[in-house]
């Protein structure tokens, strides 16, 4: 590999932070300047799509970057290794955010306490969340790499 795992992981973390900060700024502006529309948006399930986009975009970027740098798509071993490492990093970031929310949001702290009162609920949700994050990240990297390969094949000079 030309860049190496650490280079790709750094790019994943950087892009994940940029995407999430952009979404945070969007929601802050939305709630500050258009609270009625924000309430409607949240009530219609609009956050679900944005949450999936926030998870997928760093993986998409990583898949595209890999193809552009290496000139090939990822092998299965490379793809799953990077997906597992990226998911571990994203999980640490998410747990940090959840701890921050627990310390700063009384409603969230109360809801988390209710969840902790149910035996096995929190570990099960963390495991399921990790698995979903892993699969979405791998899917995003795979589809972006294939898309870049197709684009390169279309734009390559024909003999």
C-alpha atoms as a PDB file:
ATOM      1  CA  UNK A   1       0.000   0.000   0.000  1.00  0.00           C
ATOM      2  CA  UNK A   2       1.254   3.453  -0.840  1.00  0.00           C
ATOM      3  CA  UNK A   3      -0.332   5.265   2.114  1.00  0.00           C
ATOM      4  CA  UNK A   4      -0.590   2.503   4.732  1.00  0.00           C
ATOM      5  CA  UNK A   5      -3.242   1.704   7.306  1.00  0.00           C
ATOM      6  CA  UNK A   6      -2.387   4.619   9.591  1.00  0.00           C
ATOM      7  CA  UNK A   7      -2.684   7.088   6.717  1.00  0.00           C
ATOM      8  CA  UNK A   8      -6.101   5.772   5.776  1.00  0.00           C
ATOM      9  CA  UNK A   9      -7.235   5.704   9.405  1.00  0.00           C
ATOM     10  CA  UNK A  10      -6.129   9.309   9.875  1.00  0.00           C
ATOM     11  CA  UNK A  11      -8.136  10.296   6.798  1.00  0.00           C
ATOM     12  CA  UNK A  12     -11.181   8.408   8.117  1.00  0.00           C
ATOM     13  CA  UNK A  13     -11.001  10.128  11.516  1.00  0.00           C
ATOM     14  CA  UNK A  14     -10.487  13.550   9.952  1.00  0.00           C
ATOM     15  CA  UNK A  15     -13.393  13.156   7.550  1.00  0.00           C
ATOM     16  CA  UNK A  16     -15.657  11.723  10.276  1.00  0.00           C
ATOM     17  CA  UNK A  17     -14.939  14.761  12.451  1.00  0.00           C
ATOM     18  CA  UNK A  18     -15.525  17.184   9.565  1.00  0.00           C
ATOM     19  CA  UNK A  19     -18.828  15.518   8.600  1.00  0.00           C
ATOM     20  CA  UNK A  20     -20.119  15.429  12.163  1.00  0.00           C
ATOM     21  CA  UNK A  21     -19.106  19.035  12.854  1.00  0.00           C
ATOM     22  CA  UNK A  22     -20.891  20.098   9.660  1.00  0.00           C
ATOM     23  CA  UNK A  23     -24.039  18.241  10.741  1.00  0.00           C
ATOM     24  CA  UNK A  24     -23.797  19.747  14.230  1.00  0.00           C
ATOM     25  CA  UNK A  25     -23.514  23.256  12.733  1.00  0.00           C
ATOM     26  CA  UNK A  26     -26.480  22.536  10.452  1.00  0.00           C
ATOM     27  CA  UNK A  27     -28.653  21.357  13.358  1.00  0.00           C
ATOM     28  CA  UNK A  28     -27.597  24.246  15.569  1.00  0.00           C
ATOM     29  CA  UNK A  29     -28.486  26.766  12.851  1.00  0.00           C
ATOM     30  CA  UNK A  30     -31.706  24.926  12.081  1.00  0.00           C
ATOM     31  CA  UNK A  31     -32.823  24.921  15.729  1.00  0.00           C
ATOM     32  CA  UNK A  32     -31.702  28.523  16.289  1.00  0.00           C
ATOM     33  CA  UNK A  33     -33.140  30.197  13.195  1.00  0.00           C
ATOM     34  CA  UNK A  34     -36.034  27.907  12.226  1.00  0.00           C
ATOM     35  CA  UNK A  35     -37.202  26.051  15.352  1.00  0.00           C
ATOM     36  CA  UNK A  36     -40.642  25.254  13.947  1.00  0.00           C
ATOM     37  CA  UNK A  37     -39.162  23.666  10.837  1.00  0.00           C
ATOM     38  CA  UNK A  38     -36.597  21.828  12.965  1.00  0.00           C
ATOM     39  CA  UNK A  39     -39.374  20.343  15.089  1.00  0.00           C
ATOM     40  CA  UNK A  40     -41.211  19.237  11.938  1.00  0.00           C
ATOM     41  CA  UNK A  41     -38.009  17.779  10.465  1.00  0.00           C
ATOM     42  CA  UNK A  42     -37.218  15.806  13.611  1.00  0.00           C
ATOM     43  CA  UNK A  43     -40.787  14.546  13.855  1.00  0.00           C
ATOM     44  CA  UNK A  44     -40.836  13.199  10.287  1.00  0.00           C
ATOM     45  CA  UNK A  45     -37.772  10.986  10.753  1.00  0.00           C
ATOM     46  CA  UNK A  46     -35.379  13.197   8.846  1.00  0.00           C
ATOM     47  CA  UNK A  47     -32.637  12.481  11.359  1.00  0.00           C
ATOM     48  CA  UNK A  48     -32.501   8.819  10.398  1.00  0.00           C
ATOM     49  CA  UNK A  49     -31.229   9.563   6.911  1.00  0.00           C
ATOM     50  CA  UNK A  50     -28.731  12.113   8.163  1.00  0.00           C
ATOM     51  CA  UNK A  51     -27.428   9.681  10.778  1.00  0.00           C
ATOM     52  CA  UNK A  52     -26.861   7.037   8.122  1.00  0.00           C
ATOM     53  CA  UNK A  53     -25.153   9.644   5.930  1.00  0.00           C
ATOM     54  CA  UNK A  54     -22.892  10.652   8.821  1.00  0.00           C
ATOM     55  CA  UNK A  55     -21.867   7.006   9.188  1.00  0.00           C
ATOM     56  CA  UNK A  56     -21.456   6.325   5.460  1.00  0.00           C
ATOM     57  CA  UNK A  57     -19.663   9.459   4.249  1.00  0.00           C
ATOM     58  CA  UNK A  58     -16.297   8.772   5.931  1.00  0.00           C
ATOM     59  CA  UNK A  59     -16.350   5.210   4.560  1.00  0.00           C
ATOM     60  CA  UNK A  60     -17.206   6.480   1.092  1.00  0.00           C
ATOM     61  CA  UNK A  61     -14.349   8.942   1.239  1.00  0.00           C
ATOM     62  CA  UNK A  62     -11.973   6.206   2.386  1.00  0.00           C
ATOM     63  CA  UNK A  63     -12.991   3.864  -0.444  1.00  0.00           C
ATOM     64  CA  UNK A  64     -12.530   6.595  -3.036  1.00  0.00           C
ATOM     65  CA  UNK A  65      -9.188   7.672  -1.577  1.00  0.00           C
ATOM     66  CA  UNK A  66      -7.944   4.099  -1.547  1.00  0.00           C
ATOM     67  CA  UNK A  67      -8.713   3.584  -5.231  1.00  0.00           C
ATOM     68  CA  UNK A  68      -7.245   6.941  -6.256  1.00  0.00           C
ATOM     69  CA  UNK A  69      -4.063   6.307  -4.267  1.00  0.00           C
ATOM     70  CA  UNK A  70      -3.545   2.623  -4.966  1.00  0.00           C
ATOM     71  CA  UNK A  71      -5.052   2.407  -8.458  1.00  0.00           C
ATOM     72  CA  UNK A  72      -7.090  -0.655  -7.473  1.00  0.00           C
ATOM     73  CA  UNK A  73      -9.988  -1.666  -5.273  1.00  0.00           C
ATOM     74  CA  UNK A  74      -9.381  -3.116  -1.823  1.00  0.00           C
ATOM     75  CA  UNK A  75      -8.840  -6.808  -1.337  1.00  0.00           C
ATOM     76  CA  UNK A  76     -11.250  -8.466   1.057  1.00  0.00           C
ATOM     77  CA  UNK A  77      -8.584  -8.592   3.761  1.00  0.00           C
ATOM     78  CA  UNK A  78      -7.717  -4.912   3.345  1.00  0.00           C
ATOM     79  CA  UNK A  79     -11.362  -3.885   3.245  1.00  0.00           C
ATOM     80  CA  UNK A  80     -12.419  -5.801   6.344  1.00  0.00           C
ATOM     81  CA  UNK A  81      -9.256  -4.838   8.244  1.00  0.00           C
ATOM     82  CA  UNK A  82      -9.801  -1.155   7.535  1.00  0.00           C
ATOM     83  CA  UNK A  83     -13.527  -1.447   8.276  1.00  0.00           C
ATOM     84  CA  UNK A  84     -12.858  -3.076  11.663  1.00  0.00           C
ATOM     85  CA  UNK A  85     -10.212  -0.498  12.587  1.00  0.00           C
ATOM     86  CA  UNK A  86     -12.408   2.409  11.456  1.00  0.00           C
ATOM     87  CA  UNK A  87     -15.374   1.008  13.367  1.00  0.00           C
ATOM     88  CA  UNK A  88     -13.267   0.692  16.525  1.00  0.00           C
ATOM     89  CA  UNK A  89     -12.152   4.313  16.182  1.00  0.00           C
ATOM     90  CA  UNK A  90     -15.697   5.506  15.451  1.00  0.00           C
ATOM     91  CA  UNK A  91     -16.970   3.524  18.449  1.00  0.00           C
ATOM     92  CA  UNK A  92     -14.496   5.224  20.772  1.00  0.00           C
ATOM     93  CA  UNK A  93     -15.596   8.619  19.428  1.00  0.00           C
ATOM     94  CA  UNK A  94     -19.285   7.695  19.847  1.00  0.00           C
ATOM     95  CA  UNK A  95     -18.794   6.438  23.409  1.00  0.00           C
ATOM     96  CA  UNK A  96     -16.942   9.676  24.212  1.00  0.00           C
ATOM     97  CA  UNK A  97     -19.850  11.692  22.824  1.00  0.00           C
ATOM     98  CA  UNK A  98     -22.338   9.604  24.814  1.00  0.00           C
ATOM     99  CA  UNK A  99     -20.353  10.198  28.006  1.00  0.00           C
ATOM    100  CA  UNK A 100     -20.291  13.922  27.268  1.00  0.00           C
ATOM    101  CA  UNK A 101     -24.048  13.884  26.640  1.00  0.00           C
ATOM    102  CA  UNK A 102     -24.629  11.983  29.887  1.00  0.00           C
ATOM    103  CA  UNK A 103     -22.676  14.621  31.801  1.00  0.00           C
ATOM    104  CA  UNK A 104     -24.320  17.627  30.110  1.00  0.00           C
ATOM    105  CA  UNK A 105     -27.877  16.590  29.254  1.00  0.00           C
ATOM    106  CA  UNK A 106     -30.137  15.677  32.200  1.00  0.00           C
ATOM    107  CA  UNK A 107     -32.763  14.068  29.951  1.00  0.00           C
ATOM    108  CA  UNK A 108     -30.158  11.857  28.281  1.00  0.00           C
ATOM    109  CA  UNK A 109     -28.670  10.888  31.656  1.00  0.00           C
ATOM    110  CA  UNK A 110     -32.126   9.857  32.896  1.00  0.00           C
ATOM    111  CA  UNK A 111     -32.817   7.780  29.780  1.00  0.00           C
ATOM    112  CA  UNK A 112     -29.426   6.108  30.032  1.00  0.00           C
ATOM    113  CA  UNK A 113     -30.093   5.285  33.681  1.00  0.00           C
ATOM    114  CA  UNK A 114     -33.395   3.664  32.692  1.00  0.00           C
ATOM    115  CA  UNK A 115     -31.563   1.605  30.050  1.00  0.00           C
ATOM    116  CA  UNK A 116     -28.914   0.540  32.567  1.00  0.00           C
ATOM    117  CA  UNK A 117     -31.647  -0.725  34.900  1.00  0.00           C
ATOM    118  CA  UNK A 118     -32.528  -3.398  32.306  1.00  0.00           C
ATOM    119  CA  UNK A 119     -29.993  -6.239  32.640  1.00  0.00           C
ATOM    120  CA  UNK A 120     -27.976  -6.827  29.487  1.00  0.00           C
ATOM    121  CA  UNK A 121     -29.629  -4.042  27.510  1.00  0.00           C
ATOM    122  CA  UNK A 122     -26.665  -1.670  27.221  1.00  0.00           C
ATOM    123  CA  UNK A 123     -24.072  -4.328  26.238  1.00  0.00           C
ATOM    124  CA  UNK A 124     -26.505  -5.789  23.702  1.00  0.00           C
ATOM    125  CA  UNK A 125     -27.190  -2.375  22.166  1.00  0.00           C
ATOM    126  CA  UNK A 126     -23.464  -1.592  22.033  1.00  0.00           C
ATOM    127  CA  UNK A 127     -22.749  -4.909  20.299  1.00  0.00           C
ATOM    128  CA  UNK A 128     -25.581  -4.461  17.798  1.00  0.00           C
ATOM    129  CA  UNK A 129     -24.530  -0.852  17.175  1.00  0.00           C
ATOM    130  CA  UNK A 130     -20.931  -1.936  16.576  1.00  0.00           C
ATOM    131  CA  UNK A 131     -22.051  -4.615  14.110  1.00  0.00           C
ATOM    132  CA  UNK A 132     -24.306  -2.202  12.212  1.00  0.00           C
ATOM    133  CA  UNK A 133     -21.564   0.436  12.105  1.00  0.00           C
ATOM    134  CA  UNK A 134     -19.080  -2.165  10.847  1.00  0.00           C
ATOM    135  CA  UNK A 135     -21.354  -3.402   8.074  1.00  0.00           C
ATOM    136  CA  UNK A 136     -22.333   0.099   6.932  1.00  0.00           C
ATOM    137  CA  UNK A 137     -18.690   1.222   6.910  1.00  0.00           C
ATOM    138  CA  UNK A 138     -17.598  -1.822   4.902  1.00  0.00           C
ATOM    139  CA  UNK A 139     -20.489  -1.396   2.454  1.00  0.00           C
ATOM    140  CA  UNK A 140     -19.632   2.280   1.958  1.00  0.00           C
ATOM    141  CA  UNK A 141     -15.943   1.526   1.340  1.00  0.00           C
ATOM    142  CA  UNK A 142     -16.733  -1.309  -1.054  1.00  0.00           C
ATOM    143  CA  UNK A 143     -19.324   0.589  -3.089  1.00  0.00           C
ATOM    144  CA  UNK A 144     -17.170   3.732  -3.303  1.00  0.00           C
ATOM    145  CA  UNK A 145     -14.163   1.706  -4.472  1.00  0.00           C
ATOM    146  CA  UNK A 146     -16.230  -0.025  -7.150  1.00  0.00           C
ATOM    147  CA  UNK A 147     -17.726   3.290  -8.225  1.00  0.00           C
ATOM    148  CA  UNK A 148     -14.276   4.831  -8.594  1.00  0.00           C
ATOM    149  CA  UNK A 149     -13.120   1.793 -10.591  1.00  0.00           C
ATOM    150  CA  UNK A 150     -16.085   2.148 -12.956  1.00  0.00           C
ATOM    151  CA  UNK A 151     -15.476   5.870 -13.330  1.00  0.00           C
ATOM    152  CA  UNK A 152     -11.815   5.247 -14.101  1.00  0.00           C
ATOM    153  CA  UNK A 153     -12.747   2.603 -16.684  1.00  0.00           C
ATOM    154  CA  UNK A 154     -15.188   4.988 -18.403  1.00  0.00           C
ATOM    155  CA  UNK A 155     -12.719   7.859 -18.547  1.00  0.00           C
ATOM    156  CA  UNK A 156      -9.678   5.786 -19.523  1.00  0.00           C
ATOM    157  CA  UNK A 157      -8.403   6.425 -23.050  1.00  0.00           C
ATOM    158  CA  UNK A 158      -9.608   3.774 -25.476  1.00  0.00           C
ATOM    159  CA  UNK A 159      -7.090   2.046 -27.690  1.00  0.00           C
END
